[in-house]
Amino acid sequence: MSRTALVTGGTRGIGQAISAGLKQAGYKVAANYGGNEDAAKACEEALGVRCFKFDVSDYDAVGAGITDIESELGPIEVVVNNAGITWDGPFHKMTQEQWQKVISVDLDSAFNVTRQVWEGMRERGFGRVINISSINGQKGQFGQVNYSAAKAGLIGFTKALAQEGAKKGITVNVVCPGYIDTEMVRAVPENVLESIISTIPVGRLGKAEEIASMCTYLASDEAAFITGATMTVNGAQYIAG
């Protein structure tokens, strides 16, 4: 029987590519979304996956969503914590709302989702948790104190939780994408985009499918000895020591 995978923020951009990659690899995929009904419908039709609407920043809403997923598709054995937003601004102008909203969606969501599938993974002796961070969680970024803090938090979350899951057959890893060719990145002014690409040694933006292939591998049985790892997929734009 194929395993069930939940991808948060799984109907657009990198998340949709991850949903597609896992579906192609034989998983039963539940793609979560927060509000874009048109994107969710298009995702279901294009990929043949089930889409589930719930707010990942709300613990109780996540619990209800997971109940719906597991009743329809079976126990969740793979989680990709991909959901995230940005709300940029220099720190001296950043509001508490800007800070809290980004932390809630980008970091708290990883707890809200993972905590509610963790005991099941422990009981079954198998689980895969893959957290999607960012190059900016590794190096920081001007105007993104909230986002960088949340994404850096996912790295620490991963390293600690990997140690707790190891003896129970659960791996926990984090993927840090660089600048990826998505609709959001392509919306950046052309001159700004050109300046970004000039800092990437391979000379191009990454592809969402390249992030998805990393996630699909980390979800596999073959990746059982990889846990607590930070996987950088950024074209050598930033090389962590």
C-alpha atoms as a PDB file:
ATOM      1  CA  MET A   1       0.000   0.000   0.000  1.00  0.00           C
ATOM      2  CA  SER A   2       1.364   3.422  -0.920  1.00  0.00           C
ATOM      3  CA  ARG A   3       2.186   5.883   1.823  1.00  0.00           C
ATOM      4  CA  THR A   4       0.286   9.088   2.493  1.00  0.00           C
ATOM      5  CA  ALA A   5       2.184  12.364   2.239  1.00  0.00           C
ATOM      6  CA  LEU A   6       0.992  15.779   3.384  1.00  0.00           C
ATOM      7  CA  VAL A   7       2.483  18.846   1.694  1.00  0.00           C
ATOM      8  CA  THR A   8       1.534  22.126   3.338  1.00  0.00           C
ATOM      9  CA  GLY A   9       1.227  25.013   0.901  1.00  0.00           C
ATOM     10  CA  GLY A  10       1.156  22.245  -1.661  1.00  0.00           C
ATOM     11  CA  THR A  11      -0.948  23.714  -4.458  1.00  0.00           C
ATOM     12  CA  ARG A  12       1.320  26.436  -5.863  1.00  0.00           C
ATOM     13  CA  GLY A  13       4.966  27.109  -6.663  1.00  0.00           C
ATOM     14  CA  ILE A  14       7.522  24.905  -4.959  1.00  0.00           C
ATOM     15  CA  GLY A  15       4.777  23.181  -2.987  1.00  0.00           C
ATOM     16  CA  GLN A  16       2.931  22.122  -6.117  1.00  0.00           C
ATOM     17  CA  ALA A  17       6.152  20.754  -7.598  1.00  0.00           C
ATOM     18  CA  ILE A  18       6.721  18.732  -4.412  1.00  0.00           C
ATOM     19  CA  SER A  19       3.151  17.427  -4.554  1.00  0.00           C
ATOM     20  CA  ALA A  20       3.701  16.426  -8.175  1.00  0.00           C
ATOM     21  CA  GLY A  21       7.014  14.728  -7.425  1.00  0.00           C
ATOM     22  CA  LEU A  22       5.602  12.674  -4.570  1.00  0.00           C
ATOM     23  CA  LYS A  23       2.527  11.745  -6.585  1.00  0.00           C
ATOM     24  CA  GLN A  24       4.741  10.543  -9.439  1.00  0.00           C
ATOM     25  CA  ALA A  25       6.783   8.515  -6.950  1.00  0.00           C
ATOM     26  CA  GLY A  26       3.645   6.663  -5.890  1.00  0.00           C
ATOM     27  CA  TYR A  27       2.535   8.468  -2.755  1.00  0.00           C
ATOM     28  CA  LYS A  28      -1.044   9.348  -1.910  1.00  0.00           C
ATOM     29  CA  VAL A  29      -0.678  13.110  -1.698  1.00  0.00           C
ATOM     30  CA  ALA A  30      -2.712  15.528   0.388  1.00  0.00           C
ATOM     31  CA  ALA A  31      -1.919  19.071  -0.726  1.00  0.00           C
ATOM     32  CA  ASN A  32      -2.850  21.652   1.873  1.00  0.00           C
ATOM     33  CA  TYR A  33      -3.812  25.226   1.004  1.00  0.00           C
ATOM     34  CA  GLY A  34      -4.958  28.257   2.922  1.00  0.00           C
ATOM     35  CA  GLY A  35      -7.325  30.170   0.704  1.00  0.00           C
ATOM     36  CA  ASN A  36      -6.721  30.173  -3.063  1.00  0.00           C
ATOM     37  CA  GLU A  37      -9.593  28.000  -4.253  1.00  0.00           C
ATOM     38  CA  ASP A  38      -8.792  28.417  -7.944  1.00  0.00           C
ATOM     39  CA  ALA A  39      -5.209  27.240  -7.467  1.00  0.00           C
ATOM     40  CA  ALA A  40      -6.372  24.270  -5.407  1.00  0.00           C
ATOM     41  CA  LYS A  41      -8.893  23.209  -8.034  1.00  0.00           C
ATOM     42  CA  ALA A  42      -6.295  23.541 -10.787  1.00  0.00           C
ATOM     43  CA  CYS A  43      -3.826  21.507  -8.720  1.00  0.00           C
ATOM     44  CA  GLU A  44      -6.313  18.699  -8.164  1.00  0.00           C
ATOM     45  CA  GLU A  45      -7.154  18.561 -11.855  1.00  0.00           C
ATOM     46  CA  ALA A  46      -3.555  18.765 -13.068  1.00  0.00           C
ATOM     47  CA  LEU A  47      -1.930  16.381 -10.601  1.00  0.00           C
ATOM     48  CA  GLY A  48      -4.738  14.100  -9.470  1.00  0.00           C
ATOM     49  CA  VAL A  49      -4.034  14.800  -5.802  1.00  0.00           C
ATOM     50  CA  ARG A  50      -6.483  15.664  -3.050  1.00  0.00           C
ATOM     51  CA  CYS A  51      -6.411  19.229  -1.751  1.00  0.00           C
ATOM     52  CA  PHE A  52      -7.413  20.096   1.822  1.00  0.00           C
ATOM     53  CA  LYS A  53      -8.080  23.619   3.049  1.00  0.00           C
ATOM     54  CA  PHE A  54      -6.997  24.561   6.564  1.00  0.00           C
ATOM     55  CA  ASP A  55      -4.962  27.252   8.284  1.00  0.00           C
ATOM     56  CA  VAL A  56      -1.579  25.787   9.247  1.00  0.00           C
ATOM     57  CA  SER A  57      -1.024  28.558  11.797  1.00  0.00           C
ATOM     58  CA  ASP A  58      -4.087  27.361  13.782  1.00  0.00           C
ATOM     59  CA  TYR A  59      -3.359  24.218  15.848  1.00  0.00           C
ATOM     60  CA  ASP A  60      -6.993  23.138  16.089  1.00  0.00           C
ATOM     61  CA  ALA A  61      -7.640  23.713  12.385  1.00  0.00           C
ATOM     62  CA  VAL A  62      -4.601  21.568  11.594  1.00  0.00           C
ATOM     63  CA  GLY A  63      -5.918  18.805  13.832  1.00  0.00           C
ATOM     64  CA  ALA A  64      -9.278  18.804  12.040  1.00  0.00           C
ATOM     65  CA  GLY A  65      -7.518  18.821   8.660  1.00  0.00           C
ATOM     66  CA  ILE A  66      -5.296  15.895   9.583  1.00  0.00           C
ATOM     67  CA  THR A  67      -8.328  13.940  10.771  1.00  0.00           C
ATOM     68  CA  ASP A  68      -9.992  14.495   7.392  1.00  0.00           C
ATOM     69  CA  ILE A  69      -6.860  13.484   5.485  1.00  0.00           C
ATOM     70  CA  GLU A  70      -6.238  10.325   7.478  1.00  0.00           C
ATOM     71  CA  SER A  71      -9.872   9.223   7.311  1.00  0.00           C
ATOM     72  CA  GLU A  72      -9.741   9.496   3.518  1.00  0.00           C
ATOM     73  CA  LEU A  73      -6.159   8.562   2.613  1.00  0.00           C
ATOM     74  CA  GLY A  74      -4.778   6.716   5.630  1.00  0.00           C
ATOM     75  CA  PRO A  75      -2.115   7.534   8.221  1.00  0.00           C
ATOM     76  CA  ILE A  76       0.216  10.386   7.295  1.00  0.00           C
ATOM     77  CA  GLU A  77       3.732   8.969   7.089  1.00  0.00           C
ATOM     78  CA  VAL A  78       5.448  11.799   5.197  1.00  0.00           C
ATOM     79  CA  VAL A  79       5.124  15.482   6.053  1.00  0.00           C
ATOM     80  CA  VAL A  80       6.592  18.319   4.006  1.00  0.00           C
ATOM     81  CA  ASN A  81       6.305  21.560   5.971  1.00  0.00           C
ATOM     82  CA  ASN A  82       6.420  23.938   3.023  1.00  0.00           C
ATOM     83  CA  ALA A  83       3.775  26.564   3.813  1.00  0.00           C
ATOM     84  CA  GLY A  84       5.207  30.038   4.112  1.00  0.00           C
ATOM     85  CA  ILE A  85       4.585  33.719   3.524  1.00  0.00           C
ATOM     86  CA  THR A  86       6.658  36.881   3.395  1.00  0.00           C
ATOM     87  CA  TRP A  87       5.767  40.300   4.761  1.00  0.00           C
ATOM     88  CA  ASP A  88       8.921  42.305   4.244  1.00  0.00           C
ATOM     89  CA  GLY A  89      10.055  45.594   5.694  1.00  0.00           C
ATOM     90  CA  PRO A  90      13.048  47.112   7.457  1.00  0.00           C
ATOM     91  CA  PHE A  91      13.113  46.225  11.132  1.00  0.00           C
ATOM     92  CA  HIS A  92      12.771  49.826  12.330  1.00  0.00           C
ATOM     93  CA  LYS A  93       9.377  49.947  10.574  1.00  0.00           C
ATOM     94  CA  MET A  94       8.273  46.357  11.180  1.00  0.00           C
ATOM     95  CA  THR A  95       5.036  45.981  13.121  1.00  0.00           C
ATOM     96  CA  GLN A  96       4.251  43.308  15.663  1.00  0.00           C
ATOM     97  CA  GLU A  97       1.603  42.027  13.256  1.00  0.00           C
ATOM     98  CA  GLN A  98       4.196  41.631  10.475  1.00  0.00           C
ATOM     99  CA  TRP A  99       6.465  39.733  12.826  1.00  0.00           C
ATOM    100  CA  GLN A 100       3.821  37.485  14.350  1.00  0.00           C
ATOM    101  CA  LYS A 101       2.041  36.574  11.124  1.00  0.00           C
ATOM    102  CA  VAL A 102       5.222  35.398   9.415  1.00  0.00           C
ATOM    103  CA  ILE A 103       6.415  33.485  12.481  1.00  0.00           C
ATOM    104  CA  SER A 104       2.986  31.859  12.836  1.00  0.00           C
ATOM    105  CA  VAL A 105       2.721  30.667   9.234  1.00  0.00           C
ATOM    106  CA  ASP A 106       6.376  29.896   8.548  1.00  0.00           C
ATOM    107  CA  LEU A 107       7.526  28.418  11.880  1.00  0.00           C
ATOM    108  CA  ASP A 108       4.644  27.673  14.231  1.00  0.00           C
ATOM    109  CA  SER A 109       2.987  25.674  11.453  1.00  0.00           C
ATOM    110  CA  ALA A 110       5.815  23.125  11.533  1.00  0.00           C
ATOM    111  CA  PHE A 111       4.980  22.402  15.182  1.00  0.00           C
ATOM    112  CA  ASN A 112       1.230  22.450  14.560  1.00  0.00           C
ATOM    113  CA  VAL A 113       1.465  19.838  11.810  1.00  0.00           C
ATOM    114  CA  THR A 114       4.364  17.667  12.945  1.00  0.00           C
ATOM    115  CA  ARG A 115       3.245  17.396  16.557  1.00  0.00           C
ATOM    116  CA  GLN A 116      -0.103  15.958  15.490  1.00  0.00           C
ATOM    117  CA  VAL A 117       1.345  13.184  13.324  1.00  0.00           C
ATOM    118  CA  TRP A 118       4.425  12.482  15.456  1.00  0.00           C
ATOM    119  CA  GLU A 119       2.909   9.955  17.841  1.00  0.00           C
ATOM    120  CA  GLY A 120       1.500   7.941  14.944  1.00  0.00           C
ATOM    121  CA  MET A 121       4.910   7.879  13.279  1.00  0.00           C
ATOM    122  CA  ARG A 122       6.509   6.697  16.541  1.00  0.00           C
ATOM    123  CA  GLU A 123       3.942   3.928  16.957  1.00  0.00           C
ATOM    124  CA  ARG A 124       4.425   2.697  13.386  1.00  0.00           C
ATOM    125  CA  GLY A 125       8.215   2.959  13.537  1.00  0.00           C
ATOM    126  CA  PHE A 126       8.434   5.026  10.378  1.00  0.00           C
ATOM    127  CA  GLY A 127       8.169   8.664   9.388  1.00  0.00           C
ATOM    128  CA  ARG A 128       9.635  11.325   7.166  1.00  0.00           C
ATOM    129  CA  VAL A 129       9.537  15.005   8.107  1.00  0.00           C
ATOM    130  CA  ILE A 130      10.937  17.444   5.553  1.00  0.00           C
ATOM    131  CA  ASN A 131      11.018  21.133   6.408  1.00  0.00           C
ATOM    132  CA  ILE A 132      11.396  23.774   3.717  1.00  0.00           C
ATOM    133  CA  SER A 133      13.596  26.606   4.935  1.00  0.00           C
ATOM    134  CA  SER A 134      15.429  29.107   2.723  1.00  0.00           C
ATOM    135  CA  ILE A 135      18.830  30.463   1.803  1.00  0.00           C
ATOM    136  CA  ASN A 136      17.741  33.526   3.767  1.00  0.00           C
ATOM    137  CA  GLY A 137      17.304  31.409   6.861  1.00  0.00           C
ATOM    138  CA  GLN A 138      20.975  30.522   6.543  1.00  0.00           C
ATOM    139  CA  LYS A 139      22.520  33.873   5.687  1.00  0.00           C
ATOM    140  CA  GLY A 140      19.846  36.419   6.618  1.00  0.00           C
ATOM    141  CA  GLN A 141      18.390  39.049   4.305  1.00  0.00           C
ATOM    142  CA  PHE A 142      17.883  42.801   4.609  1.00  0.00           C
ATOM    143  CA  GLY A 143      14.226  43.608   5.140  1.00  0.00           C
ATOM    144  CA  GLN A 144      13.364  40.037   6.120  1.00  0.00           C
ATOM    145  CA  VAL A 145      14.137  39.808   9.826  1.00  0.00           C
ATOM    146  CA  ASN A 146      10.820  38.034  10.436  1.00  0.00           C
ATOM    147  CA  TYR A 147      11.185  35.615   7.508  1.00  0.00           C
ATOM    148  CA  SER A 148      14.869  34.899   8.153  1.00  0.00           C
ATOM    149  CA  ALA A 149      14.163  34.245  11.840  1.00  0.00           C
ATOM    150  CA  ALA A 150      11.340  31.830  11.024  1.00  0.00           C
ATOM    151  CA  LYS A 151      13.359  29.964   8.415  1.00  0.00           C
ATOM    152  CA  ALA A 152      16.410  29.774  10.678  1.00  0.00           C
ATOM    153  CA  GLY A 153      14.103  28.422  13.369  1.00  0.00           C
ATOM    154  CA  LEU A 154      13.135  25.549  11.077  1.00  0.00           C
ATOM    155  CA  ILE A 155      16.786  24.549  10.869  1.00  0.00           C
ATOM    156  CA  GLY A 156      17.077  24.337  14.658  1.00  0.00           C
ATOM    157  CA  PHE A 157      13.714  22.545  14.849  1.00  0.00           C
ATOM    158  CA  THR A 158      15.039  19.976  12.393  1.00  0.00           C
ATOM    159  CA  LYS A 159      18.331  19.326  14.181  1.00  0.00           C
ATOM    160  CA  ALA A 160      16.691  18.778  17.558  1.00  0.00           C
ATOM    161  CA  LEU A 161      13.738  16.714  16.354  1.00  0.00           C
ATOM    162  CA  ALA A 162      15.960  14.450  14.255  1.00  0.00           C
ATOM    163  CA  GLN A 163      17.645  13.274  17.438  1.00  0.00           C
ATOM    164  CA  GLU A 164      14.296  12.422  19.011  1.00  0.00           C
ATOM    165  CA  GLY A 165      12.992  10.525  16.002  1.00  0.00           C
ATOM    166  CA  ALA A 166      16.099   8.563  15.070  1.00  0.00           C
ATOM    167  CA  LYS A 167      15.510   5.427  17.159  1.00  0.00           C
ATOM    168  CA  LYS A 168      11.867   5.304  16.064  1.00  0.00           C
ATOM    169  CA  GLY A 169      12.633   5.149  12.342  1.00  0.00           C
ATOM    170  CA  ILE A 170      11.705   8.793  11.756  1.00  0.00           C
ATOM    171  CA  THR A 171      14.015  11.052   9.786  1.00  0.00           C
ATOM    172  CA  VAL A 172      13.813  14.838   9.961  1.00  0.00           C
ATOM    173  CA  ASN A 173      15.631  16.973   7.409  1.00  0.00           C
ATOM    174  CA  VAL A 174      15.515  20.531   6.125  1.00  0.00           C
ATOM    175  CA  VAL A 175      15.851  21.786   2.561  1.00  0.00           C
ATOM    176  CA  CYS A 176      17.079  25.345   1.992  1.00  0.00           C
ATOM    177  CA  PRO A 177      16.192  26.513  -1.523  1.00  0.00           C
ATOM    178  CA  GLY A 178      17.913  29.462  -3.109  1.00  0.00           C
ATOM    179  CA  TYR A 179      16.093  31.681  -5.595  1.00  0.00           C
ATOM    180  CA  ILE A 180      13.691  29.468  -7.524  1.00  0.00           C
ATOM    181  CA  ASP A 181      11.887  30.235 -10.771  1.00  0.00           C
ATOM    182  CA  THR A 182       8.370  30.619  -9.414  1.00  0.00           C
ATOM    183  CA  GLU A 183       5.588  33.085 -10.142  1.00  0.00           C
ATOM    184  CA  MET A 184       6.504  35.033  -7.010  1.00  0.00           C
ATOM    185  CA  VAL A 185      10.167  35.433  -8.004  1.00  0.00           C
ATOM    186  CA  ARG A 186       9.317  36.269 -11.599  1.00  0.00           C
ATOM    187  CA  ALA A 187       7.166  39.135 -10.299  1.00  0.00           C
ATOM    188  CA  VAL A 188      10.312  40.883  -9.043  1.00  0.00           C
ATOM    189  CA  PRO A 189      11.342  43.878 -11.236  1.00  0.00           C
ATOM    190  CA  GLU A 190      13.578  42.775 -14.091  1.00  0.00           C
ATOM    191  CA  ASN A 191      16.591  44.791 -12.978  1.00  0.00           C
ATOM    192  CA  VAL A 192      16.354  43.346  -9.461  1.00  0.00           C
ATOM    193  CA  LEU A 193      15.985  39.831 -10.828  1.00  0.00           C
ATOM    194  CA  GLU A 194      19.048  40.285 -13.017  1.00  0.00           C
ATOM    195  CA  SER A 195      21.066  41.444 -10.028  1.00  0.00           C
ATOM    196  CA  ILE A 196      19.975  38.368  -8.065  1.00  0.00           C
ATOM    197  CA  ILE A 197      20.920  35.995 -10.871  1.00  0.00           C
ATOM    198  CA  SER A 198      24.327  37.679 -11.148  1.00  0.00           C
ATOM    199  CA  THR A 199      25.101  36.452  -7.603  1.00  0.00           C
ATOM    200  CA  ILE A 200      24.290  32.809  -8.418  1.00  0.00           C
ATOM    201  CA  PRO A 201      27.419  31.003  -9.678  1.00  0.00           C
ATOM    202  CA  VAL A 202      25.474  28.616 -11.922  1.00  0.00           C
ATOM    203  CA  GLY A 203      23.985  31.666 -13.641  1.00  0.00           C
ATOM    204  CA  ARG A 204      20.289  30.902 -13.381  1.00  0.00           C
ATOM    205  CA  LEU A 205      17.358  30.543 -11.054  1.00  0.00           C
ATOM    206  CA  GLY A 206      16.642  27.131  -9.656  1.00  0.00           C
ATOM    207  CA  LYS A 207      13.713  25.027 -10.811  1.00  0.00           C
ATOM    208  CA  ALA A 208      10.898  24.032  -8.500  1.00  0.00           C
ATOM    209  CA  GLU A 209      11.340  20.475  -9.738  1.00  0.00           C
ATOM    210  CA  GLU A 210      14.895  20.496  -8.383  1.00  0.00           C
ATOM    211  CA  ILE A 211      13.565  21.151  -4.891  1.00  0.00           C
ATOM    212  CA  ALA A 212      10.888  18.514  -5.406  1.00  0.00           C
ATOM    213  CA  SER A 213      13.410  15.845  -6.405  1.00  0.00           C
ATOM    214  CA  MET A 214      15.379  16.467  -3.218  1.00  0.00           C
ATOM    215  CA  CYS A 215      12.202  16.108  -1.145  1.00  0.00           C
ATOM    216  CA  THR A 216      11.162  12.946  -2.952  1.00  0.00           C
ATOM    217  CA  TYR A 217      14.540  11.396  -2.224  1.00  0.00           C
ATOM    218  CA  LEU A 218      14.461  12.392   1.449  1.00  0.00           C
ATOM    219  CA  ALA A 219      11.002  10.810   1.729  1.00  0.00           C
ATOM    220  CA  SER A 220      12.232   7.497   0.339  1.00  0.00           C
ATOM    221  CA  ASP A 221      13.442   4.356   2.095  1.00  0.00           C
ATOM    222  CA  GLU A 222      16.854   4.909   0.485  1.00  0.00           C
ATOM    223  CA  ALA A 223      17.337   8.063   2.571  1.00  0.00           C
ATOM    224  CA  ALA A 224      16.901   6.300   5.903  1.00  0.00           C
ATOM    225  CA  PHE A 225      20.425   7.172   7.109  1.00  0.00           C
ATOM    226  CA  ILE A 226      20.047  10.871   6.346  1.00  0.00           C
ATOM    227  CA  THR A 227      18.567  12.758   9.268  1.00  0.00           C
ATOM    228  CA  GLY A 228      19.203  16.121  10.880  1.00  0.00           C
ATOM    229  CA  ALA A 229      20.707  17.300   7.593  1.00  0.00           C
ATOM    230  CA  THR A 230      20.485  20.744   6.026  1.00  0.00           C
ATOM    231  CA  MET A 231      20.297  20.316   2.254  1.00  0.00           C
ATOM    232  CA  THR A 232      21.227  23.476   0.355  1.00  0.00           C
ATOM    233  CA  VAL A 233      19.836  23.764  -3.167  1.00  0.00           C
ATOM    234  CA  ASN A 234      20.964  27.204  -4.279  1.00  0.00           C
ATOM    235  CA  GLY A 235      23.412  26.954  -7.194  1.00  0.00           C
ATOM    236  CA  ALA A 236      26.347  27.753  -4.853  1.00  0.00           C
ATOM    237  CA  GLN A 237      24.945  31.200  -4.079  1.00  0.00           C
ATOM    238  CA  TYR A 238      25.581  30.525  -0.406  1.00  0.00           C
ATOM    239  CA  ILE A 239      27.798  27.734   0.925  1.00  0.00           C
ATOM    240  CA  ALA A 240      27.378  27.069   4.625  1.00  0.00           C
ATOM    241  CA  GLY A 241      30.454  26.157   6.630  1.00  0.00           C
END
